[in-house]
Amino acid sequence: MDHNSCVTIQKEWDIVAARQLGRDVSKDVGFGTVDQARIATAISELARNIYLYAGNGKVCFEVIDNMERKGMCMIATDTGPGIKNLSQVMEDGFSTMGGLGAGLPGVKRLMDEFDIQSEVGQGTRISATKWLR
């Protein structure tokens, strides 16, 4: 299994592909079904955001396996319009599209570590890590 795999997000079907690959990676890392589902949900959310708002981007998965701990990191990057008001986007219940998704606060809740960087007109980079307990 390649320790660094990416899925390009350009069409709706790519969201499914990213979710599936992420679930496979999380299974390989050793996550149980509950965490696999959490990770898959977070991936769907990140991939859907790329598809809806940026139109083009990728979701990459990295397995972290060092002396201290093991886990997986997903990095979603796009070259879309960027996010003007990050703090607003990170508020619970805020949705730009009225979507049913949990949004970025949901992703943050599902994962153990969450980092977002966004430049208006440049794009957005989100990384989220889940550690194996």
Protein backbone atom coordinates (compact mmCIF):
# COMPACT_ATOMS: atom_id res chain seq x y z
CA MET A 1 0.00 0.00 0.00
CA ASP A 2 1.38 3.36 -1.04
CA HIS A 3 1.78 5.54 2.03
CA ASN A 4 0.77 8.66 0.17
CA SER A 5 -2.19 8.44 -2.14
CA CYS A 6 -4.29 11.18 -3.68
CA VAL A 7 -7.64 11.47 -5.41
CA THR A 8 -8.26 14.37 -7.78
CA ILE A 9 -11.65 15.98 -7.21
CA GLN A 10 -13.29 17.34 -10.36
CA LYS A 11 -16.62 15.56 -10.63
CA GLU A 12 -19.16 14.31 -8.15
CA TRP A 13 -18.04 10.70 -8.56
CA ASP A 14 -14.57 11.64 -7.29
CA ILE A 15 -16.12 12.31 -3.84
CA VAL A 16 -17.09 8.63 -3.68
CA ALA A 17 -13.63 7.56 -4.84
CA ALA A 18 -11.91 9.71 -2.20
CA ARG A 19 -14.21 8.39 0.50
CA GLN A 20 -13.54 4.79 -0.53
CA LEU A 21 -9.78 5.22 -0.71
CA GLY A 22 -9.75 6.98 2.66
CA ARG A 23 -11.76 4.19 4.22
CA ASP A 24 -9.35 1.60 2.79
CA VAL A 25 -6.36 3.53 4.13
CA SER A 26 -7.95 3.89 7.57
CA LYS A 27 -8.67 0.16 7.62
CA ASP A 28 -5.03 -0.60 6.75
CA VAL A 29 -3.88 1.68 9.56
CA GLY A 30 -5.98 -0.36 11.95
CA PHE A 31 -8.93 1.90 12.71
CA GLY A 32 -12.13 0.21 13.84
CA THR A 33 -15.39 0.54 11.93
CA VAL A 34 -16.63 3.53 13.95
CA ASP A 35 -13.49 5.56 13.27
CA GLN A 36 -13.47 4.39 9.65
CA ALA A 37 -16.96 5.83 9.31
CA ARG A 38 -15.90 9.08 10.98
CA ILE A 39 -12.93 9.40 8.67
CA ALA A 40 -15.05 8.59 5.60
CA THR A 41 -17.59 11.25 6.63
CA ALA A 42 -14.86 13.85 7.06
CA ILE A 43 -13.40 12.96 3.66
CA SER A 44 -16.81 13.28 1.99
CA GLU A 45 -17.22 16.72 3.50
CA LEU A 46 -13.79 17.94 2.38
CA ALA A 47 -14.14 16.44 -1.10
CA ARG A 48 -17.65 17.85 -1.52
CA ASN A 49 -16.41 21.31 -0.57
CA ILE A 50 -13.75 21.12 -3.26
CA TYR A 51 -16.30 19.92 -5.80
CA LEU A 52 -18.89 22.58 -4.91
CA TYR A 53 -16.76 25.63 -4.30
CA ALA A 54 -13.44 25.16 -6.04
CA GLY A 55 -14.31 22.82 -8.92
CA ASN A 56 -10.84 21.34 -8.86
CA GLY A 57 -8.56 20.03 -6.17
CA LYS A 58 -7.34 16.89 -4.51
CA VAL A 59 -7.55 14.93 -1.31
CA CYS A 60 -4.39 13.13 -0.23
CA PHE A 61 -3.94 10.53 2.46
CA GLU A 62 -0.81 10.03 4.47
CA VAL A 63 -0.20 7.24 6.92
CA ILE A 64 1.68 8.41 9.99
CA ASP A 65 3.59 5.68 11.71
CA ASN A 66 6.31 6.79 14.06
CA MET A 67 7.67 5.70 17.42
CA GLU A 68 5.06 7.55 19.45
CA ARG A 69 1.89 6.83 17.55
CA LYS A 70 0.11 5.80 14.44
CA GLY A 71 -2.61 7.54 12.51
CA MET A 72 -3.63 9.02 9.22
CA CYS A 73 -3.67 12.51 7.87
CA MET A 74 -5.77 13.79 5.02
CA ILE A 75 -4.89 16.92 3.17
CA ALA A 76 -7.46 18.62 0.96
CA THR A 77 -6.07 21.27 -1.37
CA ASP A 78 -7.73 23.32 -4.06
CA THR A 79 -7.02 26.34 -6.22
CA GLY A 80 -10.52 27.72 -5.79
CA PRO A 81 -11.72 31.15 -4.68
CA GLY A 82 -10.53 30.68 -1.11
CA ILE A 83 -12.52 31.41 2.03
CA LYS A 84 -13.06 35.07 2.93
CA ASN A 85 -14.26 34.61 6.48
CA LEU A 86 -12.62 31.60 8.07
CA SER A 87 -14.02 32.17 11.55
CA GLN A 88 -17.56 32.32 10.14
CA VAL A 89 -17.07 29.11 8.16
CA MET A 90 -15.81 27.41 11.33
CA GLU A 91 -18.97 28.30 13.27
CA ASP A 92 -21.40 25.49 13.88
CA GLY A 93 -24.53 25.73 11.80
CA PHE A 94 -23.03 28.04 9.22
CA SER A 95 -23.57 26.85 5.67
CA THR A 96 -22.94 28.75 2.49
CA MET A 97 -25.10 26.41 0.44
CA GLY A 98 -27.63 25.25 3.00
CA GLY A 99 -26.14 21.79 2.60
CA LEU A 100 -26.90 18.92 4.92
CA GLY A 101 -23.25 18.25 5.55
CA ALA A 102 -21.73 18.95 8.93
CA GLY A 103 -19.41 21.43 7.25
CA LEU A 104 -15.89 22.17 8.39
CA PRO A 105 -16.80 22.31 12.12
CA GLY A 106 -18.09 18.76 11.66
CA VAL A 107 -14.80 17.67 10.12
CA LYS A 108 -12.93 19.29 12.99
CA ARG A 109 -15.12 17.41 15.49
CA LEU A 110 -14.66 14.07 13.71
CA MET A 111 -10.89 14.32 13.61
CA ASP A 112 -8.24 14.83 16.31
CA GLU A 113 -6.27 17.59 14.63
CA PHE A 114 -7.50 20.13 12.14
CA ASP A 115 -5.76 22.95 10.33
CA ILE A 116 -7.07 25.26 7.65
CA GLN A 117 -5.25 27.82 5.55
CA SER A 118 -6.99 29.83 2.89
CA GLU A 119 -6.01 32.69 0.63
CA VAL A 120 -8.76 34.51 -1.22
CA GLY A 121 -8.16 34.02 -4.93
CA GLN A 122 -5.48 31.40 -4.26
CA GLY A 123 -7.23 28.43 -2.76
CA THR A 124 -7.54 26.48 0.44
CA ARG A 125 -5.53 23.80 2.21
CA ILE A 126 -7.07 21.76 4.98
CA SER A 127 -5.30 19.04 6.88
CA ALA A 128 -7.00 16.75 9.35
CA THR A 129 -5.43 13.96 11.37
CA LYS A 130 -6.93 11.04 13.23
CA TRP A 131 -4.78 9.12 15.72
CA LEU A 132 -5.14 5.47 16.50
CA ARG A 133 -6.12 5.08 20.15
